[in-house]
């Protein structure tokens, strides 16, 4: 029984997906595993999301709808998993030409000895000959992102006859793409060893069949939008038919809101401005988008707001030009889009990185001009950070001087300066620029 919230409960059946490798001539192996299926139980820890609010519920992936899948397809999307409002997009890369089929047809099926008897799953078959240098990657794209509190089991991680499994599993942080690795749980006699960085390896071929499963447990306060499985032959195994299965996927999601299905998201320099463009493939009760920028990838400032479509099932296109990007020095800039719902809930797009633009000409902006109380100035196109500024009056007398920082506007108090024209000069070892401004009272 899994709790959706403290006041309600839902019973969820256990489902599984499998990429399964079987030498069909070795039917005795299947019989042996069938006898061992009772040793496979709940290996993953029950995930608890301490950072989730009351809108978040716990859900489990449901494979029982055959319309999700068809034989031979390498890209599949599962919508609204268990009523969670969450989508899982499965895609395959690497040596996927070794995948002969995906399931025996429209109705999913799996051998019982991989999942303790579950039939609601999809079978994969791998042809013989996956070499030591080859691997198959399964990428699970998650929309919208979910808390990194997710757990599941992987099956048939063992060495068997001429082949065996090595499996690396990791998630990606939605904000910056950094990797998040899981911990593993097992029964008493696993047939695999943990190698670090999310890798388990069936290092003793053909010796232990008592535990051919592993629990996979992610626990982090970060949000994830991708899980990757990289499957290859174990370190001591030869080539041959083999595979693994994925089952009992339990995760958290905000069941009250699926505000945006993000489409293309891009950023580039347009002359000396930063152009951010994004698409939404669908929107539900969306209010607005807030464009945020950071110079360190940690602390963000809000730049502007754009009204959202509200409710739409068509592709919508948006754009914003950051004309202030040129004034941030030679720094990589980080951008993200904050989507806000009608009820105030919000989520973020993936992170965008903008490399420095070395073609921007040196430019000095002084504002307001004329000024009465405070004058501000900022610099674009600087090659170095050690500028010195000087302010001279119309007679050439030095009024003030100091060091110029490039990451924020420089401000000078001019309320007690005599009215008149002043000259601002900036210089360093390789560049110099000047501009006049006026003080009025």
Protein backbone atom coordinates (compact mmCIF):
# COMPACT_ATOMS: atom_id res chain seq x y z
CA UNK A 1 0.00 0.00 0.00
CA UNK A 2 1.41 3.39 -0.99
CA UNK A 3 0.30 6.67 0.54
CA UNK A 4 -0.72 9.51 -1.75
CA UNK A 5 -1.09 11.84 1.24
CA UNK A 6 -1.74 11.36 4.96
CA UNK A 7 -5.52 11.30 4.43
CA UNK A 8 -5.81 8.86 1.54
CA UNK A 9 -4.30 5.59 0.37
CA UNK A 10 -4.14 3.73 -2.89
CA UNK A 11 -3.31 0.10 -3.66
CA UNK A 12 -0.83 -0.25 -6.47
CA UNK A 13 -0.01 -3.47 -8.27
CA UNK A 14 3.59 -4.25 -9.07
CA UNK A 15 4.65 -3.89 -12.67
CA UNK A 16 7.88 -4.32 -14.52
CA UNK A 17 9.71 -3.57 -17.77
CA UNK A 18 12.37 -5.94 -18.94
CA UNK A 19 15.11 -6.16 -21.48
CA UNK A 20 15.54 -9.88 -21.26
CA UNK A 21 18.13 -12.09 -22.85
CA UNK A 22 17.46 -15.76 -23.17
CA UNK A 23 19.08 -18.49 -25.22
CA UNK A 24 15.87 -20.21 -26.25
CA UNK A 25 17.58 -23.55 -26.58
CA UNK A 26 18.48 -23.49 -22.89
CA UNK A 27 15.00 -24.09 -21.53
CA UNK A 28 16.47 -25.79 -18.49
CA UNK A 29 17.87 -22.40 -17.41
CA UNK A 30 14.38 -20.88 -17.49
CA UNK A 31 13.07 -23.67 -15.32
CA UNK A 32 15.87 -23.15 -12.84
CA UNK A 33 15.19 -19.41 -12.53
CA UNK A 34 11.48 -20.03 -12.17
CA UNK A 35 12.20 -22.02 -9.04
CA UNK A 36 14.29 -19.12 -7.69
CA UNK A 37 11.70 -16.38 -8.28
CA UNK A 38 10.38 -16.58 -4.73
CA UNK A 39 13.69 -15.21 -3.41
CA UNK A 40 13.10 -11.90 -5.20
CA UNK A 41 11.23 -9.47 -2.97
CA UNK A 42 11.11 -5.73 -2.41
CA UNK A 43 14.79 -4.90 -2.71
CA UNK A 44 14.53 -1.13 -2.96
CA UNK A 45 13.90 0.99 0.05
CA UNK A 46 10.54 2.70 0.26
CA UNK A 47 11.33 6.26 -0.89
CA UNK A 48 10.36 9.13 1.39
CA UNK A 49 10.31 12.69 0.05
CA UNK A 50 11.11 15.00 2.94
CA UNK A 51 11.30 18.06 0.66
CA UNK A 52 7.84 17.52 -0.89
CA UNK A 53 4.82 19.58 0.16
CA UNK A 54 1.29 18.22 0.55
CA UNK A 55 0.63 18.45 -3.20
CA UNK A 56 3.13 15.67 -3.86
CA UNK A 57 1.97 12.07 -3.89
CA UNK A 58 3.72 8.73 -4.25
CA UNK A 59 3.06 6.75 -7.43
CA UNK A 60 4.12 3.58 -9.21
CA UNK A 61 4.72 2.98 -12.89
CA UNK A 62 1.86 1.00 -14.42
CA UNK A 63 2.61 -1.18 -17.46
CA UNK A 64 -0.86 -2.70 -17.77
CA UNK A 65 -2.07 -0.51 -20.66
CA UNK A 66 -0.90 -2.22 -23.88
CA UNK A 67 -1.66 0.86 -25.98
CA UNK A 68 1.53 2.41 -24.58
CA UNK A 69 3.71 -0.07 -26.42
CA UNK A 70 4.13 -1.92 -29.68
CA UNK A 71 6.61 -4.52 -30.84
CA UNK A 72 9.89 -3.24 -32.25
CA UNK A 73 9.58 0.43 -31.24
CA UNK A 74 12.69 2.08 -29.79
CA UNK A 75 11.02 5.25 -28.51
CA UNK A 76 7.96 5.17 -26.28
CA UNK A 77 6.07 7.71 -24.18
CA UNK A 78 3.98 6.80 -21.13
CA UNK A 79 1.53 9.57 -20.20
CA UNK A 80 -0.03 10.39 -16.84
CA UNK A 81 1.56 7.47 -15.03
CA UNK A 82 -0.78 6.15 -12.30
CA UNK A 83 -2.71 9.43 -12.47
CA UNK A 84 0.36 11.37 -11.38
CA UNK A 85 0.44 13.84 -14.27
CA UNK A 86 3.98 12.59 -15.00
CA UNK A 87 5.30 11.30 -18.32
CA UNK A 88 8.17 8.85 -18.86
CA UNK A 89 9.78 8.91 -22.32
CA UNK A 90 11.90 5.82 -23.06
CA UNK A 91 14.52 5.99 -25.82
CA UNK A 92 17.41 3.75 -26.80
CA UNK A 93 20.91 4.41 -28.10
CA UNK A 94 24.21 2.59 -28.56
CA UNK A 95 24.15 -0.96 -29.92
CA UNK A 96 20.36 -1.05 -30.05
CA UNK A 97 20.58 -2.85 -33.39
CA UNK A 98 21.12 -5.92 -31.19
CA UNK A 99 17.54 -5.58 -29.96
CA UNK A 100 15.62 -8.07 -32.07
CA UNK A 101 12.14 -7.24 -30.74
CA UNK A 102 10.27 -5.47 -27.98
CA UNK A 103 7.58 -7.75 -26.73
CA UNK A 104 5.67 -10.50 -28.50
CA UNK A 105 3.14 -8.06 -29.97
CA UNK A 106 0.54 -5.63 -28.69
CA UNK A 107 0.14 -7.44 -25.37
CA UNK A 108 3.19 -7.11 -23.08
CA UNK A 109 4.58 -10.27 -21.53
CA UNK A 110 7.62 -11.32 -19.53
CA UNK A 111 9.05 -14.56 -18.24
CA UNK A 112 8.03 -15.09 -14.63
CA UNK A 113 11.53 -15.86 -13.33
CA UNK A 114 12.68 -12.26 -13.85
CA UNK A 115 9.98 -10.47 -11.86
CA UNK A 116 8.61 -12.89 -9.34
CA UNK A 117 5.55 -13.69 -11.43
CA UNK A 118 4.55 -10.30 -12.90
CA UNK A 119 3.05 -10.54 -16.39
CA UNK A 120 2.37 -6.85 -16.99
CA UNK A 121 5.70 -5.99 -18.57
CA UNK A 122 7.50 -5.71 -21.85
CA UNK A 123 10.03 -8.29 -23.08
CA UNK A 124 13.15 -7.36 -24.97
CA UNK A 125 15.42 -9.83 -26.74
CA UNK A 126 19.09 -9.27 -27.45
CA UNK A 127 20.84 -11.18 -30.22
CA UNK A 128 24.15 -12.94 -29.46
CA UNK A 129 27.36 -11.01 -30.01
CA UNK A 130 27.28 -7.94 -27.75
CA UNK A 131 31.04 -7.37 -27.49
CA UNK A 132 32.96 -5.95 -24.55
CA UNK A 133 33.13 -2.53 -26.23
CA UNK A 134 29.40 -2.32 -26.96
CA UNK A 135 26.58 -1.15 -24.74
CA UNK A 136 22.91 -0.25 -24.94
CA UNK A 137 21.69 2.89 -23.19
CA UNK A 138 18.10 3.41 -22.09
CA UNK A 139 17.27 7.05 -21.37
CA UNK A 140 14.13 7.79 -19.38
CA UNK A 141 13.16 11.45 -19.84
CA UNK A 142 10.77 12.60 -17.10
CA UNK A 143 8.28 15.42 -17.70
CA UNK A 144 7.80 17.43 -15.58
CA UNK A 145 10.81 16.86 -13.36
CA UNK A 146 10.25 14.93 -10.13
CA UNK A 147 12.08 14.91 -6.78
CA UNK A 148 15.17 12.70 -6.74
CA UNK A 149 13.36 10.39 -4.35
CA UNK A 150 12.70 7.44 -6.63
CA UNK A 151 13.29 3.71 -6.20
CA UNK A 152 12.94 0.59 -8.33
CA UNK A 153 14.34 -2.92 -8.80
CA UNK A 154 16.53 -4.26 -11.59
CA UNK A 155 16.41 -7.97 -12.33
CA UNK A 156 18.67 -10.69 -13.74
CA UNK A 157 21.94 -8.95 -12.87
CA UNK A 158 24.17 -11.99 -12.92
CA UNK A 159 26.71 -13.95 -14.93
CA UNK A 160 25.12 -16.80 -16.85
CA UNK A 161 26.83 -19.28 -19.13
CA UNK A 162 28.60 -17.31 -21.85
CA UNK A 163 27.44 -13.84 -20.86
CA UNK A 164 26.47 -11.56 -18.00
CA UNK A 165 25.54 -8.04 -17.03
CA UNK A 166 27.22 -4.80 -16.07
CA UNK A 167 24.82 -1.97 -15.44
CA UNK A 168 25.45 1.71 -14.73
CA UNK A 169 22.51 3.77 -13.47
CA UNK A 170 22.42 7.51 -12.82
CA UNK A 171 20.00 10.44 -12.79
CA UNK A 172 20.57 14.02 -13.97
CA UNK A 173 19.85 17.15 -11.97
CA UNK A 174 17.24 19.22 -13.80
CA UNK A 175 18.92 22.50 -12.84
CA UNK A 176 22.47 21.95 -14.11
CA UNK A 177 22.66 18.45 -15.59
CA UNK A 178 25.02 17.17 -12.89
CA UNK A 179 24.90 13.44 -12.18
CA UNK A 180 23.17 11.87 -9.18
CA UNK A 181 24.14 8.28 -8.36
CA UNK A 182 21.97 5.77 -6.47
CA UNK A 183 22.69 3.41 -3.63
CA UNK A 184 21.92 -0.30 -4.00
CA UNK A 185 20.25 -2.86 -1.76
CA UNK A 186 20.35 -6.64 -2.10
CA UNK A 187 19.55 -9.91 -0.41
CA UNK A 188 22.17 -12.04 1.36
CA UNK A 189 24.05 -13.49 -1.61
CA UNK A 190 24.08 -11.13 -4.57
CA UNK A 191 25.60 -12.33 -7.82
CA UNK A 192 26.95 -8.83 -8.50
CA UNK A 193 29.35 -6.35 -6.90
CA UNK A 194 29.03 -2.57 -6.66
CA UNK A 195 31.77 -0.67 -8.54
CA UNK A 196 30.93 2.93 -7.56
CA UNK A 197 29.40 5.72 -9.66
CA UNK A 198 26.15 3.81 -10.02
CA UNK A 199 27.71 0.64 -11.48
CA UNK A 200 26.95 -2.96 -10.52
CA UNK A 201 28.82 -5.83 -12.15
CA UNK A 202 28.08 -9.57 -12.31
CA UNK A 203 31.68 -10.59 -11.74
CA UNK A 204 31.28 -14.32 -11.02
CA UNK A 205 29.62 -15.91 -14.06
CA UNK A 206 27.51 -18.98 -13.54
CA UNK A 207 28.04 -19.43 -9.79
CA UNK A 208 25.21 -17.72 -7.92
CA UNK A 209 21.56 -17.56 -8.91
CA UNK A 210 20.03 -17.00 -5.47
CA UNK A 211 19.86 -13.21 -5.99
CA UNK A 212 19.64 -11.94 -9.53
CA UNK A 213 18.11 -8.60 -8.54
CA UNK A 214 19.19 -5.28 -7.03
CA UNK A 215 17.28 -2.48 -5.37
CA UNK A 216 18.07 0.97 -6.77
CA UNK A 217 17.50 3.89 -4.43
CA UNK A 218 17.88 7.58 -5.25
CA UNK A 219 17.69 10.04 -2.37
CA UNK A 220 18.40 13.73 -2.92
CA UNK A 221 16.71 17.09 -2.41
CA UNK A 222 17.29 17.93 -6.07
CA UNK A 223 14.83 17.57 -8.95
CA UNK A 224 15.57 15.11 -11.73
CA UNK A 225 14.34 14.99 -15.31
CA UNK A 226 16.36 12.05 -16.62
CA UNK A 227 17.45 8.55 -15.59
CA UNK A 228 19.98 6.64 -17.71
CA UNK A 229 20.67 2.89 -17.78
CA UNK A 230 23.90 1.83 -19.53
CA UNK A 231 23.94 -1.94 -20.01
CA UNK A 232 26.97 -3.95 -21.20
CA UNK A 233 28.73 -7.26 -20.61
CA UNK A 234 30.21 -7.90 -17.18
CA UNK A 235 33.96 -7.64 -16.69
CA UNK A 236 34.61 -11.41 -16.73
CA UNK A 237 31.91 -12.46 -19.19
CA UNK A 238 32.06 -13.44 -22.83
CA UNK A 239 29.65 -12.43 -25.53
CA UNK A 240 26.20 -13.90 -25.76
CA UNK A 241 22.50 -13.38 -25.15
CA UNK A 242 21.63 -11.66 -21.92
CA UNK A 243 19.63 -8.75 -20.52
CA UNK A 244 18.00 -7.16 -17.53
CA UNK A 245 14.61 -5.98 -16.34
CA UNK A 246 13.28 -2.90 -14.55
CA UNK A 247 10.36 -3.15 -12.14
CA UNK A 248 8.48 -1.66 -9.18
CA UNK A 249 9.27 1.97 -10.06
CA UNK A 250 8.05 4.17 -7.21
CA UNK A 251 8.36 7.96 -7.44
CA UNK A 252 6.94 11.27 -6.24
CA UNK A 253 5.09 13.84 -8.32
CA UNK A 254 2.90 16.89 -7.85
CA UNK A 255 -0.43 15.29 -8.74
CA UNK A 256 -2.29 18.60 -8.71
CA UNK A 257 -0.36 20.19 -11.52
CA UNK A 258 1.13 19.35 -14.88
CA UNK A 259 1.52 22.98 -15.91
CA UNK A 260 3.87 22.82 -18.89
CA UNK A 261 5.13 20.27 -21.35
CA UNK A 262 8.38 21.91 -22.44
CA UNK A 263 9.47 21.84 -26.06
CA UNK A 264 12.61 23.32 -27.61
CA UNK A 265 14.65 25.63 -25.36
CA UNK A 266 17.65 27.56 -26.67
CA UNK A 267 19.94 30.53 -26.07
CA UNK A 268 22.49 32.31 -28.23
CA UNK A 269 24.11 35.66 -28.80
CA UNK A 270 22.28 38.03 -31.17
CA UNK A 271 24.94 40.66 -31.84
CA UNK A 272 25.69 41.82 -28.28
CA UNK A 273 22.39 40.70 -26.72
CA UNK A 274 21.38 37.29 -25.35
CA UNK A 275 18.37 35.79 -27.14
CA UNK A 276 16.41 33.15 -25.20
CA UNK A 277 13.72 31.18 -27.06
CA UNK A 278 11.49 28.39 -25.80
CA UNK A 279 8.43 26.40 -26.79
CA UNK A 280 5.69 24.69 -24.86
CA UNK A 281 3.91 21.71 -26.39
CA UNK A 282 1.04 21.98 -23.90
CA UNK A 283 0.04 24.28 -21.02
CA UNK A 284 -2.46 23.89 -18.20
CA UNK A 285 -3.46 26.83 -15.96
CA UNK A 286 -0.19 28.64 -16.67
CA UNK A 287 0.01 32.28 -15.61
CA UNK A 288 3.45 33.58 -16.59
CA UNK A 289 7.10 32.87 -17.28
CA UNK A 290 9.88 34.58 -15.34
CA UNK A 291 13.30 34.74 -16.98
CA UNK A 292 16.12 34.37 -14.44
CA UNK A 293 19.88 34.85 -14.86
CA UNK A 294 22.92 33.93 -12.77
CA UNK A 295 26.65 34.59 -13.10
CA UNK A 296 27.64 31.62 -10.91
CA UNK A 297 24.87 29.06 -11.51
CA UNK A 298 23.72 29.33 -7.90
CA UNK A 299 22.13 32.74 -7.23
CA UNK A 300 19.58 33.98 -9.77
CA UNK A 301 18.09 37.40 -10.50
CA UNK A 302 14.71 37.89 -12.15
CA UNK A 303 14.99 39.79 -15.43
CA UNK A 304 11.47 39.99 -16.81
CA UNK A 305 8.03 38.35 -16.95
CA UNK A 306 6.06 37.14 -19.96
CA UNK A 307 2.39 36.17 -19.90
CA UNK A 308 1.75 32.45 -20.55
CA UNK A 309 -0.97 30.97 -22.74
CA UNK A 310 -3.02 29.74 -19.78
CA UNK A 311 -4.42 26.57 -21.34
CA UNK A 312 -3.25 25.17 -24.64
CA UNK A 313 -2.67 21.88 -26.42
CA UNK A 314 -0.82 23.51 -29.32
CA UNK A 315 2.85 24.45 -29.59
CA UNK A 316 3.46 27.98 -28.27
CA UNK A 317 6.64 29.95 -28.93
CA UNK A 318 8.22 32.54 -26.62
CA UNK A 319 11.31 34.74 -26.77
CA UNK A 320 13.16 37.23 -24.57
CA UNK A 321 16.17 39.44 -25.35
CA UNK A 322 18.55 40.18 -22.48
CA UNK A 323 20.15 43.46 -23.51
CA UNK A 324 22.07 43.59 -20.26
CA UNK A 325 24.08 40.39 -20.91
CA UNK A 326 26.87 42.36 -22.62
CA UNK A 327 27.62 44.14 -19.35
CA UNK A 328 28.41 40.97 -17.35
CA UNK A 329 32.08 40.77 -18.30
CA UNK A 330 33.79 37.69 -19.65
CA UNK A 331 31.61 35.24 -17.72
CA UNK A 332 29.54 32.21 -18.60
CA UNK A 333 25.93 33.19 -17.91
CA UNK A 334 23.24 30.81 -16.66
CA UNK A 335 19.55 31.18 -17.52
CA UNK A 336 16.40 29.35 -16.52
CA UNK A 337 12.67 29.91 -17.06
CA UNK A 338 10.42 29.88 -14.01
CA UNK A 339 6.86 28.86 -14.91
CA UNK A 340 4.18 30.05 -12.47
CA UNK A 341 0.67 28.56 -12.29
CA UNK A 342 -2.57 30.44 -11.72
CA UNK A 343 -2.53 29.19 -8.10
CA UNK A 344 1.05 30.36 -7.47
CA UNK A 345 2.77 26.96 -7.80
CA UNK A 346 5.87 27.02 -9.96
CA UNK A 347 8.46 24.86 -11.68
CA UNK A 348 11.65 25.46 -13.69
CA UNK A 349 12.86 24.70 -17.18
CA UNK A 350 16.18 23.02 -17.72
CA UNK A 351 19.29 25.17 -17.28
CA UNK A 352 20.77 27.12 -20.21
CA UNK A 353 24.43 28.15 -20.39
CA UNK A 354 25.69 31.06 -22.51
CA UNK A 355 29.41 31.19 -23.26
CA UNK A 356 31.17 34.61 -23.18
CA UNK A 357 30.98 36.73 -26.32
CA UNK A 358 34.50 37.89 -27.15
CA UNK A 359 33.31 39.98 -30.14
CA UNK A 360 31.49 42.65 -28.13
CA UNK A 361 33.01 46.13 -28.61
CA UNK A 362 34.02 48.20 -25.59
CA UNK A 363 30.99 50.24 -24.55
CA UNK A 364 30.39 52.58 -21.61
CA UNK A 365 26.84 53.48 -20.55
CA UNK A 366 26.13 56.33 -18.11
CA UNK A 367 22.62 56.88 -16.70
CA UNK A 368 20.62 58.92 -15.96
CA UNK A 369 22.09 61.75 -17.98
CA UNK A 370 21.63 64.44 -16.83
CA UNK A 371 21.62 63.36 -13.16
CA UNK A 372 20.74 65.17 -9.96
CA UNK A 373 21.35 62.70 -7.10
CA UNK A 374 23.09 59.52 -8.29
CA UNK A 375 24.93 58.67 -11.50
CA UNK A 376 25.34 55.02 -12.58
CA UNK A 377 27.66 53.53 -15.19
CA UNK A 378 28.47 50.06 -16.54
CA UNK A 379 30.90 48.63 -19.07
CA UNK A 380 30.57 46.07 -21.86
CA UNK A 381 33.26 44.34 -23.90
CA UNK A 382 35.97 44.51 -21.22
CA UNK A 383 38.86 42.12 -21.72
CA UNK A 384 40.11 42.50 -18.15
CA UNK A 385 38.51 43.19 -14.81
CA UNK A 386 40.93 45.77 -13.32
CA UNK A 387 39.55 49.08 -14.60
CA UNK A 388 40.24 52.35 -12.82
CA UNK A 389 37.74 55.18 -13.16
CA UNK A 390 38.32 58.92 -12.87
CA UNK A 391 35.79 61.78 -12.89
CA UNK A 392 37.05 65.22 -14.01
CA UNK A 393 35.14 68.49 -14.10
CA UNK A 394 35.05 70.76 -17.13
CA UNK A 395 38.30 72.43 -15.97
CA UNK A 396 40.13 69.10 -15.87
CA UNK A 397 40.26 68.90 -12.07
CA UNK A 398 40.01 65.43 -10.52
CA UNK A 399 36.74 65.03 -8.59
CA UNK A 400 36.94 61.34 -7.61
CA UNK A 401 38.53 58.06 -8.64
CA UNK A 402 38.32 54.35 -7.76
CA UNK A 403 38.23 50.74 -8.97
CA UNK A 404 35.54 49.64 -11.44
CA UNK A 405 33.76 46.30 -10.99
CA UNK A 406 32.27 44.71 -14.10
CA UNK A 407 29.48 42.54 -12.68
CA UNK A 408 27.28 45.29 -11.23
CA UNK A 409 26.36 48.89 -11.94
CA UNK A 410 28.79 51.43 -10.45
CA UNK A 411 27.11 54.32 -8.64
CA UNK A 412 28.36 57.73 -7.51
CA UNK A 413 26.58 60.23 -5.30
CA UNK A 414 26.50 63.61 -7.13
CA UNK A 415 23.87 65.52 -5.13
CA UNK A 416 26.49 67.88 -3.65
CA UNK A 417 28.50 68.36 -6.87
CA UNK A 418 28.20 71.71 -8.60
CA UNK A 419 25.96 71.68 -11.67
CA UNK A 420 27.91 71.30 -14.87
CA UNK A 421 29.55 68.91 -17.33
CA UNK A 422 31.81 66.09 -16.09
CA UNK A 423 34.03 63.58 -17.86
CA UNK A 424 34.18 59.90 -16.82
CA UNK A 425 37.33 58.04 -17.88
CA UNK A 426 37.96 54.29 -17.52
CA UNK A 427 41.26 52.57 -18.26
CA UNK A 428 43.39 49.51 -17.61
CA UNK A 429 46.53 48.04 -19.14
CA UNK A 430 44.95 47.36 -22.53
CA UNK A 431 41.73 49.37 -22.88
CA UNK A 432 40.39 52.85 -22.20
CA UNK A 433 37.13 54.66 -22.80
CA UNK A 434 35.46 57.91 -21.68
CA UNK A 435 32.07 59.59 -21.69
CA UNK A 436 30.69 62.96 -20.59
CA UNK A 437 27.63 63.49 -18.43
CA UNK A 438 25.83 66.43 -16.89
CA UNK A 439 24.76 67.19 -13.33
CA UNK A 440 21.67 69.39 -12.81
CA UNK A 441 20.02 70.46 -9.57
